[in-house]
Amino acid sequence: MCDVAERLEKIGIEKGRAEERDNFMQLLVRLSKDGEVLDVQRASADPEYLDELFRKYNI
């Protein structure tokens, strides 16, 4: 039973990581199109600013 719970947890973690990656890539595309290179650099180093950009771009 424990193996099933551990496997389900692992699947959930993998899905969460994939979703985060997809969101970050979507943000990078939007920032690149807008010519916001400095925002890309800052978002890479500042999690709070990254969250702010996700909200700004509705991601």
C-alpha atoms as a PDB file:
ATOM      1  CA  MET A   1       0.000   0.000   0.000  1.00  0.00           C
ATOM      2  CA  CYS A   2       2.831   2.347   0.838  1.00  0.00           C
ATOM      3  CA  ASP A   3       4.351   1.796  -2.614  1.00  0.00           C
ATOM      4  CA  VAL A   4       1.145   3.002  -4.271  1.00  0.00           C
ATOM      5  CA  ALA A   5       1.063   6.170  -2.166  1.00  0.00           C
ATOM      6  CA  GLU A   6       4.728   6.847  -2.846  1.00  0.00           C
ATOM      7  CA  ARG A   7       4.224   6.344  -6.593  1.00  0.00           C
ATOM      8  CA  LEU A   8       1.216   8.670  -6.629  1.00  0.00           C
ATOM      9  CA  GLU A   9       3.208  11.278  -4.729  1.00  0.00           C
ATOM     10  CA  LYS A  10       6.066  10.968  -7.228  1.00  0.00           C
ATOM     11  CA  ILE A  11       3.653  11.372 -10.152  1.00  0.00           C
ATOM     12  CA  GLY A  12       2.179  14.492  -8.519  1.00  0.00           C
ATOM     13  CA  ILE A  13       5.623  15.989  -7.996  1.00  0.00           C
ATOM     14  CA  GLU A  14       6.603  15.268 -11.604  1.00  0.00           C
ATOM     15  CA  LYS A  15       3.409  16.900 -12.898  1.00  0.00           C
ATOM     16  CA  GLY A  16       4.028  19.953 -10.719  1.00  0.00           C
ATOM     17  CA  ARG A  17       7.563  20.305 -12.037  1.00  0.00           C
ATOM     18  CA  ALA A  18       6.407  19.961 -15.632  1.00  0.00           C
ATOM     19  CA  GLU A  19       3.735  22.619 -15.059  1.00  0.00           C
ATOM     20  CA  GLU A  20       6.277  24.995 -13.484  1.00  0.00           C
ATOM     21  CA  ARG A  21       8.655  24.451 -16.395  1.00  0.00           C
ATOM     22  CA  ASP A  22       5.896  25.070 -18.943  1.00  0.00           C
ATOM     23  CA  ASN A  23       4.812  28.257 -17.163  1.00  0.00           C
ATOM     24  CA  PHE A  24       8.394  29.529 -17.020  1.00  0.00           C
ATOM     25  CA  MET A  25       8.925  28.802 -20.710  1.00  0.00           C
ATOM     26  CA  GLN A  26       5.668  30.570 -21.574  1.00  0.00           C
ATOM     27  CA  LEU A  27       6.826  33.591 -19.573  1.00  0.00           C
ATOM     28  CA  LEU A  28      10.222  33.582 -21.299  1.00  0.00           C
ATOM     29  CA  VAL A  29       8.549  33.648 -24.705  1.00  0.00           C
ATOM     30  CA  ARG A  30       6.283  36.530 -23.691  1.00  0.00           C
ATOM     31  CA  LEU A  31       9.155  38.542 -22.202  1.00  0.00           C
ATOM     32  CA  SER A  32      11.335  37.895 -25.239  1.00  0.00           C
ATOM     33  CA  LYS A  33       8.591  39.060 -27.596  1.00  0.00           C
ATOM     34  CA  ASP A  34       8.246  42.217 -25.500  1.00  0.00           C
ATOM     35  CA  GLY A  35      12.024  42.793 -25.551  1.00  0.00           C
ATOM     36  CA  GLU A  36      12.241  42.501 -21.762  1.00  0.00           C
ATOM     37  CA  VAL A  37      15.687  40.882 -21.486  1.00  0.00           C
ATOM     38  CA  LEU A  38      16.405  42.466 -18.107  1.00  0.00           C
ATOM     39  CA  ASP A  39      13.152  41.044 -16.738  1.00  0.00           C
ATOM     40  CA  VAL A  40      14.269  37.569 -17.849  1.00  0.00           C
ATOM     41  CA  GLN A  41      17.526  38.000 -15.944  1.00  0.00           C
ATOM     42  CA  ARG A  42      15.842  39.366 -12.835  1.00  0.00           C
ATOM     43  CA  ALA A  43      13.108  36.706 -12.841  1.00  0.00           C
ATOM     44  CA  SER A  44      15.775  34.006 -13.011  1.00  0.00           C
ATOM     45  CA  ALA A  45      17.326  35.255  -9.771  1.00  0.00           C
ATOM     46  CA  ASP A  46      14.332  36.651  -7.854  1.00  0.00           C
ATOM     47  CA  PRO A  47      11.432  34.273  -7.067  1.00  0.00           C
ATOM     48  CA  GLU A  48       9.180  37.092  -5.841  1.00  0.00           C
ATOM     49  CA  TYR A  49       9.684  39.016  -9.081  1.00  0.00           C
ATOM     50  CA  LEU A  50       9.025  35.823 -11.035  1.00  0.00           C
ATOM     51  CA  ASP A  51       5.681  35.454  -9.247  1.00  0.00           C
ATOM     52  CA  GLU A  52       4.911  39.101 -10.007  1.00  0.00           C
ATOM     53  CA  LEU A  53       5.553  38.520 -13.704  1.00  0.00           C
ATOM     54  CA  PHE A  54       3.381  35.385 -13.694  1.00  0.00           C
ATOM     55  CA  ARG A  55       0.532  37.518 -12.334  1.00  0.00           C
ATOM     56  CA  LYS A  56       1.216  40.375 -14.763  1.00  0.00           C
ATOM     57  CA  TYR A  57       1.111  38.030 -17.763  1.00  0.00           C
ATOM     58  CA  ASN A  58      -1.738  35.913 -16.349  1.00  0.00           C
ATOM     59  CA  ILE A  59       0.308  32.747 -16.374  1.00  0.00           C
END
